[in-house]
PDB file of N, CA and C in Angstrom:
ATOM      1  N   MET A   1      -5.054  13.886 -16.657  1.00  0.00           N
ATOM      2  CA  MET A   1      -4.334  13.766 -15.392  1.00  0.00           C
ATOM      3  C   MET A   1      -5.007  12.764 -14.467  1.00  0.00           C
ATOM      4  N   ASP A   2      -6.348  12.768 -14.456  1.00  0.00           N
ATOM      5  CA  ASP A   2      -7.066  11.840 -13.590  1.00  0.00           C
ATOM      6  C   ASP A   2      -6.746  10.396 -13.924  1.00  0.00           C
ATOM      7  N   ASN A   3      -6.536  10.107 -15.206  1.00  0.00           N
ATOM      8  CA  ASN A   3      -6.233   8.740 -15.604  1.00  0.00           C
ATOM      9  C   ASN A   3      -4.918   8.269 -14.979  1.00  0.00           C
ATOM     10  N   LYS A   4      -3.917   9.119 -14.958  1.00  0.00           N
ATOM     11  CA  LYS A   4      -2.637   8.764 -14.357  1.00  0.00           C
ATOM     12  C   LYS A   4      -2.784   8.559 -12.855  1.00  0.00           C
ATOM     13  N   ILE A   5      -3.595   9.385 -12.231  1.00  0.00           N
ATOM     14  CA  ILE A   5      -3.836   9.239 -10.794  1.00  0.00           C
ATOM     15  C   ILE A   5      -4.553   7.925 -10.519  1.00  0.00           C
ATOM     16  N   ASP A   6      -5.547   7.599 -11.331  1.00  0.00           N
ATOM     17  CA  ASP A   6      -6.269   6.339 -11.155  1.00  0.00           C
ATOM     18  C   ASP A   6      -5.343   5.135 -11.321  1.00  0.00           C
ATOM     19  N   ILE A   7      -4.447   5.206 -12.282  1.00  0.00           N
ATOM     20  CA  ILE A   7      -3.485   4.117 -12.500  1.00  0.00           C
ATOM     21  C   ILE A   7      -2.568   3.984 -11.285  1.00  0.00           C
ATOM     22  N   ALA A   8      -2.103   5.101 -10.756  1.00  0.00           N
ATOM     23  CA  ALA A   8      -1.230   5.071  -9.581  1.00  0.00           C
ATOM     24  C   ALA A   8      -1.980   4.524  -8.365  1.00  0.00           C
ATOM     25  N   ILE A   9      -3.243   4.894  -8.210  1.00  0.00           N
ATOM     26  CA  ILE A   9      -4.049   4.381  -7.099  1.00  0.00           C
ATOM     27  C   ILE A   9      -4.197   2.871  -7.219  1.00  0.00           C
ATOM     28  N   GLU A  10      -4.478   2.391  -8.402  1.00  0.00           N
ATOM     29  CA  GLU A  10      -4.594   0.942  -8.607  1.00  0.00           C
ATOM     30  C   GLU A  10      -3.276   0.238  -8.285  1.00  0.00           C
ATOM     31  N   TYR A  11      -2.171   0.819  -8.709  1.00  0.00           N
ATOM     32  CA  TYR A  11      -0.851   0.234  -8.474  1.00  0.00           C
ATOM     33  C   TYR A  11      -0.560   0.113  -6.977  1.00  0.00           C
ATOM     34  N   TYR A  12      -0.735   1.196  -6.244  1.00  0.00           N
ATOM     35  CA  TYR A  12      -0.432   1.173  -4.816  1.00  0.00           C
ATOM     36  C   TYR A  12      -1.435   0.338  -4.030  1.00  0.00           C
ATOM     37  N   THR A  13      -2.670   0.308  -4.470  1.00  0.00           N
ATOM     38  CA  THR A  13      -3.655  -0.566  -3.833  1.00  0.00           C
ATOM     39  C   THR A  13      -3.246  -2.022  -4.003  1.00  0.00           C
ATOM     40  N   SER A  14      -2.791  -2.368  -5.187  1.00  0.00           N
ATOM     41  CA  SER A  14      -2.332  -3.730  -5.459  1.00  0.00           C
ATOM     42  C   SER A  14      -1.113  -4.085  -4.602  1.00  0.00           C
ATOM     43  N   LYS A  15      -0.164  -3.157  -4.498  1.00  0.00           N
ATOM     44  CA  LYS A  15       1.025  -3.404  -3.669  1.00  0.00           C
ATOM     45  C   LYS A  15       0.636  -3.606  -2.207  1.00  0.00           C
ATOM     46  N   GLY A  16      -0.290  -2.811  -1.727  1.00  0.00           N
ATOM     47  CA  GLY A  16      -0.754  -2.956  -0.353  1.00  0.00           C
ATOM     48  C   GLY A  16      -1.451  -4.285  -0.121  1.00  0.00           C
ATOM     49  N   GLN A  17      -2.255  -4.697  -1.085  1.00  0.00           N
ATOM     50  CA  GLN A  17      -2.953  -5.975  -0.968  1.00  0.00           C
ATOM     51  C   GLN A  17      -1.970  -7.141  -0.944  1.00  0.00           C
ATOM     52  N   LYS A  18      -0.922  -7.055  -1.735  1.00  0.00           N
ATOM     53  CA  LYS A  18       0.101  -8.111  -1.740  1.00  0.00           C
ATOM     54  C   LYS A  18       0.769  -8.227  -0.373  1.00  0.00           C
ATOM     55  N   ILE A  19       1.037  -7.097   0.253  1.00  0.00           N
ATOM     56  CA  ILE A  19       1.643  -7.122   1.586  1.00  0.00           C
ATOM     57  C   ILE A  19       0.673  -7.755   2.588  1.00  0.00           C
ATOM     58  N   LEU A  20      -0.588  -7.345   2.540  1.00  0.00           N
ATOM     59  CA  LEU A  20      -1.582  -7.923   3.451  1.00  0.00           C
ATOM     60  C   LEU A  20      -1.726  -9.423   3.238  1.00  0.00           C
ATOM     61  N   ASP A  21      -1.747  -9.845   1.990  1.00  0.00           N
ATOM     62  CA  ASP A  21      -1.851 -11.273   1.692  1.00  0.00           C
ATOM     63  C   ASP A  21      -0.651 -12.035   2.241  1.00  0.00           C
ATOM     64  N   LYS A  22       0.525 -11.462   2.097  1.00  0.00           N
ATOM     65  CA  LYS A  22       1.745 -12.112   2.588  1.00  0.00           C
ATOM     66  C   LYS A  22       1.675 -12.296   4.101  1.00  0.00           C
ATOM     67  N   VAL A  23       1.246 -11.274   4.807  1.00  0.00           N
ATOM     68  CA  VAL A  23       1.157 -11.349   6.267  1.00  0.00           C
ATOM     69  C   VAL A  23       0.075 -12.336   6.686  1.00  0.00           C
ATOM     70  N   ASN A  24      -1.067 -12.283   6.034  1.00  0.00           N
ATOM     71  CA  ASN A  24      -2.186 -13.133   6.426  1.00  0.00           C
ATOM     72  C   ASN A  24      -1.964 -14.602   6.093  1.00  0.00           C
ATOM     73  N   LYS A  25      -1.190 -14.901   5.076  1.00  0.00           N
ATOM     74  CA  LYS A  25      -0.968 -16.287   4.670  1.00  0.00           C
ATOM     75  C   LYS A  25       0.215 -16.930   5.370  1.00  0.00           C
ATOM     76  N   SER A  26       1.056 -16.145   5.995  1.00  0.00           N
ATOM     77  CA  SER A  26       2.259 -16.675   6.621  1.00  0.00           C
ATOM     78  C   SER A  26       1.991 -17.021   8.090  1.00  0.00           C
ATOM     79  N   ASP A  27       2.455 -18.197   8.493  1.00  0.00           N
ATOM     80  CA  ASP A  27       2.298 -18.632   9.874  1.00  0.00           C
ATOM     81  C   ASP A  27       3.479 -18.236  10.744  1.00  0.00           C
ATOM     82  N   ASN A  28       4.575 -17.909  10.136  1.00  0.00           N
ATOM     83  CA  ASN A  28       5.782 -17.641  10.915  1.00  0.00           C
ATOM     84  C   ASN A  28       6.490 -16.362  10.465  1.00  0.00           C
ATOM     85  N   VAL A  29       5.793 -15.250  10.598  1.00  0.00           N
ATOM     86  CA  VAL A  29       6.393 -13.954  10.258  1.00  0.00           C
ATOM     87  C   VAL A  29       7.121 -13.449  11.498  1.00  0.00           C
ATOM     88  N   SER A  30       8.367 -13.085  11.329  1.00  0.00           N
ATOM     89  CA  SER A  30       9.153 -12.584  12.465  1.00  0.00           C
ATOM     90  C   SER A  30       8.751 -11.144  12.789  1.00  0.00           C
ATOM     91  N   ALA A  31       9.133 -10.717  13.958  1.00  0.00           N
ATOM     92  CA  ALA A  31       8.843  -9.346  14.378  1.00  0.00           C
ATOM     93  C   ALA A  31       9.504  -8.338  13.441  1.00  0.00           C
ATOM     94  N   ASP A  32      10.725  -8.635  13.023  1.00  0.00           N
ATOM     95  CA  ASP A  32      11.424  -7.731  12.103  1.00  0.00           C
ATOM     96  C   ASP A  32      10.693  -7.620  10.770  1.00  0.00           C
ATOM     97  N   GLU A  33      10.189  -8.742  10.282  1.00  0.00           N
ATOM     98  CA  GLU A  33       9.436  -8.726   9.028  1.00  0.00           C
ATOM     99  C   GLU A  33       8.149  -7.919   9.177  1.00  0.00           C
ATOM    100  N   LEU A  34       7.465  -8.097  10.310  1.00  0.00           N
ATOM    101  CA  LEU A  34       6.236  -7.338  10.548  1.00  0.00           C
ATOM    102  C   LEU A  34       6.512  -5.843  10.596  1.00  0.00           C
ATOM    103  N   ILE A  35       7.601  -5.471  11.230  1.00  0.00           N
ATOM    104  CA  ILE A  35       7.964  -4.055  11.296  1.00  0.00           C
ATOM    105  C   ILE A  35       8.250  -3.517   9.898  1.00  0.00           C
ATOM    106  N   GLN A  36       9.026  -4.262   9.119  1.00  0.00           N
ATOM    107  CA  GLN A  36       9.357  -3.844   7.755  1.00  0.00           C
ATOM    108  C   GLN A  36       8.099  -3.720   6.899  1.00  0.00           C
ATOM    109  N   LEU A  37       7.245  -4.731   6.964  1.00  0.00           N
ATOM    110  CA  LEU A  37       6.019  -4.704   6.161  1.00  0.00           C
ATOM    111  C   LEU A  37       5.088  -3.592   6.631  1.00  0.00           C
ATOM    112  N   GLY A  38       5.063  -3.342   7.930  1.00  0.00           N
ATOM    113  CA  GLY A  38       4.254  -2.240   8.457  1.00  0.00           C
ATOM    114  C   GLY A  38       4.734  -0.890   7.953  1.00  0.00           C
ATOM    115  N   GLU A  39       6.048  -0.734   7.892  1.00  0.00           N
ATOM    116  CA  GLU A  39       6.611   0.512   7.370  1.00  0.00           C
ATOM    117  C   GLU A  39       6.262   0.684   5.897  1.00  0.00           C
ATOM    118  N   GLU A  40       6.338  -0.400   5.141  1.00  0.00           N
ATOM    119  CA  GLU A  40       5.976  -0.337   3.723  1.00  0.00           C
ATOM    120  C   GLU A  40       4.499   0.013   3.555  1.00  0.00           C
ATOM    121  N   MET A  41       3.647  -0.584   4.404  1.00  0.00           N
ATOM    122  CA  MET A  41       2.215  -0.277   4.325  1.00  0.00           C
ATOM    123  C   MET A  41       1.944   1.182   4.668  1.00  0.00           C
ATOM    124  N   ALA A  42       2.656   1.705   5.650  1.00  0.00           N
ATOM    125  CA  ALA A  42       2.473   3.107   6.024  1.00  0.00           C
ATOM    126  C   ALA A  42       2.815   4.024   4.858  1.00  0.00           C
ATOM    127  N   ILE A  43       3.884   3.719   4.152  1.00  0.00           N
ATOM    128  CA  ILE A  43       4.283   4.515   2.996  1.00  0.00           C
ATOM    129  C   ILE A  43       3.226   4.428   1.897  1.00  0.00           C
ATOM    130  N   ILE A  44       2.750   3.216   1.654  1.00  0.00           N
ATOM    131  CA  ILE A  44       1.724   3.017   0.622  1.00  0.00           C
ATOM    132  C   ILE A  44       0.446   3.777   0.986  1.00  0.00           C
ATOM    133  N   GLU A  45       0.024   3.682   2.239  1.00  0.00           N
ATOM    134  CA  GLU A  45      -1.191   4.385   2.666  1.00  0.00           C
ATOM    135  C   GLU A  45      -1.022   5.898   2.552  1.00  0.00           C
ATOM    136  N   TYR A  46       0.167   6.398   2.867  1.00  0.00           N
ATOM    137  CA  TYR A  46       0.437   7.829   2.728  1.00  0.00           C
ATOM    138  C   TYR A  46       0.322   8.256   1.268  1.00  0.00           C
ATOM    139  N   LYS A  47       0.899   7.457   0.377  1.00  0.00           N
ATOM    140  CA  LYS A  47       0.835   7.775  -1.047  1.00  0.00           C
ATOM    141  C   LYS A  47      -0.597   7.701  -1.555  1.00  0.00           C
ATOM    142  N   LEU A  48      -1.352   6.691  -1.117  1.00  0.00           N
ATOM    143  CA  LEU A  48      -2.744   6.577  -1.543  1.00  0.00           C
ATOM    144  C   LEU A  48      -3.568   7.775  -1.070  1.00  0.00           C
ATOM    145  N   THR A  49      -3.322   8.212   0.150  1.00  0.00           N
ATOM    146  CA  THR A  49      -4.031   9.379   0.669  1.00  0.00           C
ATOM    147  C   THR A  49      -3.710  10.619  -0.164  1.00  0.00           C
ATOM    148  N   ALA A  50      -2.444  10.802  -0.477  1.00  0.00           N
ATOM    149  CA  ALA A  50      -2.044  11.957  -1.293  1.00  0.00           C
ATOM    150  C   ALA A  50      -2.658  11.881  -2.689  1.00  0.00           C
ATOM    151  N   LEU A  51      -2.718  10.701  -3.254  1.00  0.00           N
ATOM    152  CA  LEU A  51      -3.312  10.545  -4.585  1.00  0.00           C
ATOM    153  C   LEU A  51      -4.813  10.829  -4.556  1.00  0.00           C
ATOM    154  N   GLU A  52      -5.490  10.378  -3.516  1.00  0.00           N
ATOM    155  CA  GLU A  52      -6.936  10.640  -3.390  1.00  0.00           C
ATOM    156  C   GLU A  52      -7.202  12.144  -3.261  1.00  0.00           C
ATOM    157  N   ILE A  53      -6.356  12.821  -2.514  1.00  0.00           N
ATOM    158  CA  ILE A  53      -6.512  14.278  -2.371  1.00  0.00           C
ATOM    159  C   ILE A  53      -6.250  14.965  -3.698  1.00  0.00           C
ATOM    160  N   ALA A  54      -5.214  14.517  -4.400  1.00  0.00           N
ATOM    161  CA  ALA A  54      -4.901  15.116  -5.707  1.00  0.00           C
ATOM    162  C   ALA A  54      -6.037  14.867  -6.691  1.00  0.00           C
ATOM    163  N   LYS A  55      -6.683  13.748  -6.587  1.00  0.00           N
ATOM    164  CA  LYS A  55      -7.779  13.410  -7.485  1.00  0.00           C
ATOM    165  C   LYS A  55      -8.987  14.322  -7.272  1.00  0.00           C
ATOM    166  N   THR A  56      -9.219  14.706  -6.016  1.00  0.00           N
ATOM    167  CA  THR A  56     -10.370  15.570  -5.727  1.00  0.00           C
ATOM    168  C   THR A  56     -10.108  17.018  -6.084  1.00  0.00           C
ATOM    169  N   ASN A  57      -8.837  17.414  -6.215  1.00  0.00           N
ATOM    170  CA  ASN A  57      -8.529  18.811  -6.525  1.00  0.00           C
ATOM    171  C   ASN A  57      -8.459  19.046  -7.980  1.00  0.00           C
TER     172      ASN A  57
END
Protein backbone atom coordinates (compact mmCIF):
# COMPACT_ATOMS: atom_id res chain seq x y z
CA MET A 1 0.00 0.00 0.00
CA ASP A 2 2.84 2.39 0.81
CA ASN A 3 4.19 2.01 -2.71
CA LYS A 4 0.91 3.22 -4.22
CA ILE A 5 0.85 6.15 -1.82
CA ASP A 6 4.43 7.06 -2.73
CA ILE A 7 3.56 6.94 -6.43
CA ALA A 8 0.54 9.19 -5.86
CA ILE A 9 2.66 11.63 -3.83
CA GLU A 10 5.21 11.81 -6.63
CA TYR A 11 2.44 12.36 -9.19
CA TYR A 12 0.78 15.22 -7.32
CA THR A 13 4.11 16.78 -6.41
CA SER A 14 5.00 16.78 -10.10
CA LYS A 15 1.65 18.34 -11.04
CA GLY A 16 2.13 21.04 -8.44
CA GLN A 17 5.64 21.78 -9.66
CA LYS A 18 4.37 22.14 -13.23
CA ILE A 19 1.83 24.72 -12.08
CA LEU A 20 4.49 26.65 -10.14
CA ASP A 21 6.82 26.57 -13.13
CA LYS A 22 4.06 27.86 -15.41
CA VAL A 23 3.32 30.78 -13.10
CA ASN A 24 6.97 31.62 -12.48
CA LYS A 25 7.97 31.51 -16.15
CA SER A 26 5.05 33.52 -17.48
CA ASP A 27 5.27 37.30 -17.68
CA ASN A 28 1.64 37.90 -18.49
CA VAL A 29 -0.60 35.67 -16.38
CA SER A 30 -4.09 37.11 -16.06
CA ALA A 31 -5.92 37.36 -12.77
CA ASP A 32 -8.37 34.68 -13.91
CA GLU A 33 -5.51 32.32 -14.72
CA LEU A 34 -3.91 32.96 -11.33
CA ILE A 35 -7.19 32.21 -9.60
CA GLN A 36 -7.65 28.99 -11.59
CA LEU A 37 -4.08 27.85 -10.98
CA GLY A 38 -4.39 28.74 -7.29
CA GLU A 39 -7.51 26.61 -7.01
CA GLU A 40 -5.71 23.71 -8.69
CA MET A 41 -2.76 24.11 -6.32
CA ALA A 42 -5.09 24.12 -3.32
CA ILE A 43 -6.62 20.84 -4.47
CA ILE A 44 -3.19 19.31 -5.06
CA GLU A 45 -1.94 20.43 -1.64
CA TYR A 46 -5.06 18.99 0.00
CA LYS A 47 -4.50 15.66 -1.72
CA LEU A 48 -0.81 15.64 -0.79
CA THR A 49 -1.68 16.32 2.84
CA ALA A 50 -4.19 13.47 2.86
CA LEU A 51 -1.67 11.13 1.25
CA GLU A 52 1.01 12.04 3.81
CA ILE A 53 -1.43 11.33 6.64
CA ALA A 54 -2.43 8.03 5.06
CA LYS A 55 1.23 7.12 4.73
CA THR A 56 1.88 7.64 8.44
CA ASN A 57 -1.12 5.53 9.48
